[in-house]
Amino acid sequence: MSELEIGEATREERTWCGELMARSEPWTTLRRDRDACLLAALDRAYLTLVARKDGAPVGFARYHPRGVAGAPSVAEEARGTGVGSALLAAGEERFRSEGARWMFLCVSSFNALARALYERHGYRLVGELQDYVVDGFSELLMVKRLA
């Protein structure tokens, strides 16, 4: 298999991202249907980075222009191979090079694997938004200093 390549998503890849979102955590538990996921993925206000292997998308991450990371999502067959870490690092580097000092993200309280990933990359918990998206779950606000 070829080396991982990360770059901005094409329109077709953004559609792929929306389809992946619609069948993946945390969006399924957060009750985001396919239409909502596609709408979010196609939103050009967000930077969407896609990880590709052999030219095919295997994961993505969305970033708000002010340095708020959206959860990386990785296709099932590529999980555990470092794709999520690479996407997170690429987003951090992009924002660091543009002068950002901080990166923020929210992780759902039920998403222990994602939280562990962020903690391994130096993110720390700074707040909790109880029942923020759906009742019974919190969104945990995490931050990392980039510069």
Protein backbone atom coordinates (compact mmCIF):
# COMPACT_ATOMS: atom_id res chain seq x y z
CA MET A 1 0.00 0.00 0.00
CA SER A 2 1.26 3.50 -0.79
CA GLU A 3 2.14 6.19 1.70
CA LEU A 4 -0.64 8.26 3.25
CA GLU A 5 -1.33 11.53 1.43
CA ILE A 6 -3.29 14.35 3.07
CA GLY A 7 -4.80 17.26 1.17
CA GLU A 8 -7.89 19.38 0.80
CA ALA A 9 -11.03 17.49 -0.15
CA THR A 10 -12.52 17.71 -3.62
CA ARG A 11 -16.29 18.09 -3.94
CA GLU A 12 -16.61 14.35 -4.64
CA GLU A 13 -14.52 13.57 -1.57
CA ARG A 14 -16.69 15.88 0.55
CA THR A 15 -19.68 13.77 -0.49
CA TRP A 16 -17.73 10.65 0.52
CA CYS A 17 -17.03 12.34 3.89
CA GLY A 18 -20.74 12.97 4.43
CA GLU A 19 -21.57 9.35 3.67
CA LEU A 20 -18.87 8.18 6.12
CA MET A 21 -20.18 10.55 8.78
CA ALA A 22 -23.72 9.24 8.37
CA ARG A 23 -22.66 5.70 9.28
CA SER A 24 -20.02 6.49 11.94
CA GLU A 25 -19.72 7.58 15.53
CA PRO A 26 -20.18 10.09 16.99
CA TRP A 27 -22.76 11.21 14.44
CA THR A 28 -25.00 8.14 14.70
CA THR A 29 -25.38 8.52 18.47
CA LEU A 30 -25.80 12.28 18.04
CA ARG A 31 -28.69 11.48 15.69
CA ARG A 32 -27.30 13.17 12.60
CA ASP A 33 -29.04 11.70 9.58
CA ARG A 34 -27.54 11.30 6.13
CA ASP A 35 -28.88 14.63 4.84
CA ALA A 36 -27.45 16.55 7.81
CA CYS A 37 -24.09 14.82 7.41
CA LEU A 38 -23.95 15.56 3.68
CA LEU A 39 -24.89 19.19 4.29
CA ALA A 40 -22.12 19.52 6.91
CA ALA A 41 -19.54 17.82 4.72
CA LEU A 42 -20.33 20.08 1.75
CA ASP A 43 -20.10 23.29 3.83
CA ARG A 44 -17.27 25.22 2.16
CA ALA A 45 -16.84 27.44 5.25
CA TYR A 46 -14.91 24.53 6.78
CA LEU A 47 -11.53 23.26 5.68
CA THR A 48 -11.85 19.54 5.02
CA LEU A 49 -8.66 17.54 4.88
CA VAL A 50 -8.79 14.05 3.41
CA ALA A 51 -6.33 11.23 3.97
CA ARG A 52 -5.77 9.08 0.88
CA LYS A 53 -4.08 5.74 0.36
CA ASP A 54 -3.55 4.55 -3.19
CA GLY A 55 -5.52 7.62 -4.30
CA ALA A 56 -8.68 6.60 -2.42
CA PRO A 57 -10.02 8.45 0.64
CA VAL A 58 -9.65 6.58 3.93
CA GLY A 59 -10.43 9.36 6.42
CA PHE A 60 -11.09 13.05 6.88
CA ALA A 61 -11.18 15.88 9.40
CA ARG A 62 -13.07 19.16 9.24
CA TYR A 63 -11.69 22.41 10.62
CA HIS A 64 -13.43 25.69 11.29
CA PRO A 65 -11.36 28.61 9.95
CA ARG A 66 -10.79 29.87 13.51
CA GLY A 67 -9.00 26.70 14.62
CA VAL A 68 -11.77 24.46 15.89
CA ALA A 69 -11.21 20.85 14.87
CA GLY A 70 -14.00 18.53 13.88
CA ALA A 71 -13.55 14.94 14.87
CA PRO A 72 -11.42 12.99 12.43
CA SER A 73 -13.36 10.11 10.94
CA VAL A 74 -11.64 7.08 9.48
CA ALA A 75 -13.08 4.36 7.28
CA GLU A 76 -13.48 1.11 9.20
CA GLU A 77 -10.84 -0.75 7.21
CA ALA A 78 -8.22 1.94 7.97
CA ARG A 79 -8.87 2.41 11.70
CA GLY A 80 -5.94 1.87 14.00
CA THR A 81 -3.38 2.60 11.28
CA GLY A 82 -2.51 6.19 12.24
CA VAL A 83 -4.85 7.95 9.82
CA GLY A 84 -6.66 9.90 12.57
CA SER A 85 -3.35 10.99 14.10
CA ALA A 86 -2.04 12.09 10.71
CA LEU A 87 -5.17 14.12 10.01
CA LEU A 88 -4.99 15.79 13.41
CA ALA A 89 -1.30 16.62 12.94
CA ALA A 90 -1.91 18.00 9.44
CA GLY A 91 -4.66 20.29 10.71
CA GLU A 92 -2.53 21.51 13.59
CA GLU A 93 0.39 22.23 11.27
CA ARG A 94 -1.85 24.09 8.83
CA PHE A 95 -3.24 26.36 11.54
CA ARG A 96 0.16 26.79 13.24
CA SER A 97 1.64 27.95 9.92
CA GLU A 98 -1.16 30.51 9.64
CA GLY A 99 -0.30 31.92 13.08
CA ALA A 100 -2.90 30.18 15.23
CA ARG A 101 -1.88 29.77 18.86
CA TRP A 102 -4.61 27.33 19.95
CA MET A 103 -6.65 24.44 18.59
CA PHE A 104 -10.00 23.59 20.16
CA LEU A 105 -12.30 20.63 19.72
CA CYS A 106 -15.30 18.96 21.28
CA VAL A 107 -15.47 15.23 21.82
CA SER A 108 -18.63 13.41 22.86
CA SER A 109 -18.53 11.94 26.36
CA PHE A 110 -19.31 8.45 25.00
CA ASN A 111 -16.40 8.56 22.52
CA ALA A 112 -13.57 7.28 24.75
CA LEU A 113 -11.32 6.25 21.85
CA ALA A 114 -11.41 9.73 20.30
CA ARG A 115 -10.77 11.38 23.66
CA ALA A 116 -7.76 9.11 24.21
CA LEU A 117 -6.43 10.06 20.75
CA TYR A 118 -6.70 13.76 21.56
CA GLU A 119 -5.06 13.33 24.94
CA ARG A 120 -2.15 11.45 23.32
CA HIS A 121 -1.72 14.47 21.05
CA GLY A 122 -1.56 16.93 23.94
CA TYR A 123 -5.15 18.12 24.18
CA ARG A 124 -6.50 18.77 27.65
CA LEU A 125 -10.03 18.99 29.00
CA VAL A 126 -11.16 22.54 29.80
CA GLY A 127 -14.93 22.22 30.02
CA GLU A 128 -18.06 20.13 29.73
CA LEU A 129 -21.30 21.00 27.97
CA GLN A 130 -23.91 18.69 29.47
CA ASP A 131 -26.79 17.60 27.22
CA TYR A 132 -25.41 19.95 24.55
CA VAL A 133 -26.26 17.96 21.40
CA VAL A 134 -28.42 15.16 22.78
CA ASP A 135 -29.76 14.55 26.27
CA GLY A 136 -27.72 12.14 28.35
CA PHE A 137 -24.35 12.94 26.79
CA SER A 138 -21.91 15.79 27.18
CA GLU A 139 -19.59 17.44 24.74
CA LEU A 140 -16.16 17.76 26.28
CA LEU A 141 -14.26 20.90 25.28
CA MET A 142 -10.54 20.23 24.78
CA VAL A 143 -7.69 22.55 23.85
CA LYS A 144 -4.06 22.39 22.75
CA ARG A 145 -1.59 25.24 22.56
CA LEU A 146 0.04 25.29 19.12
CA ALA A 147 2.53 28.12 19.65
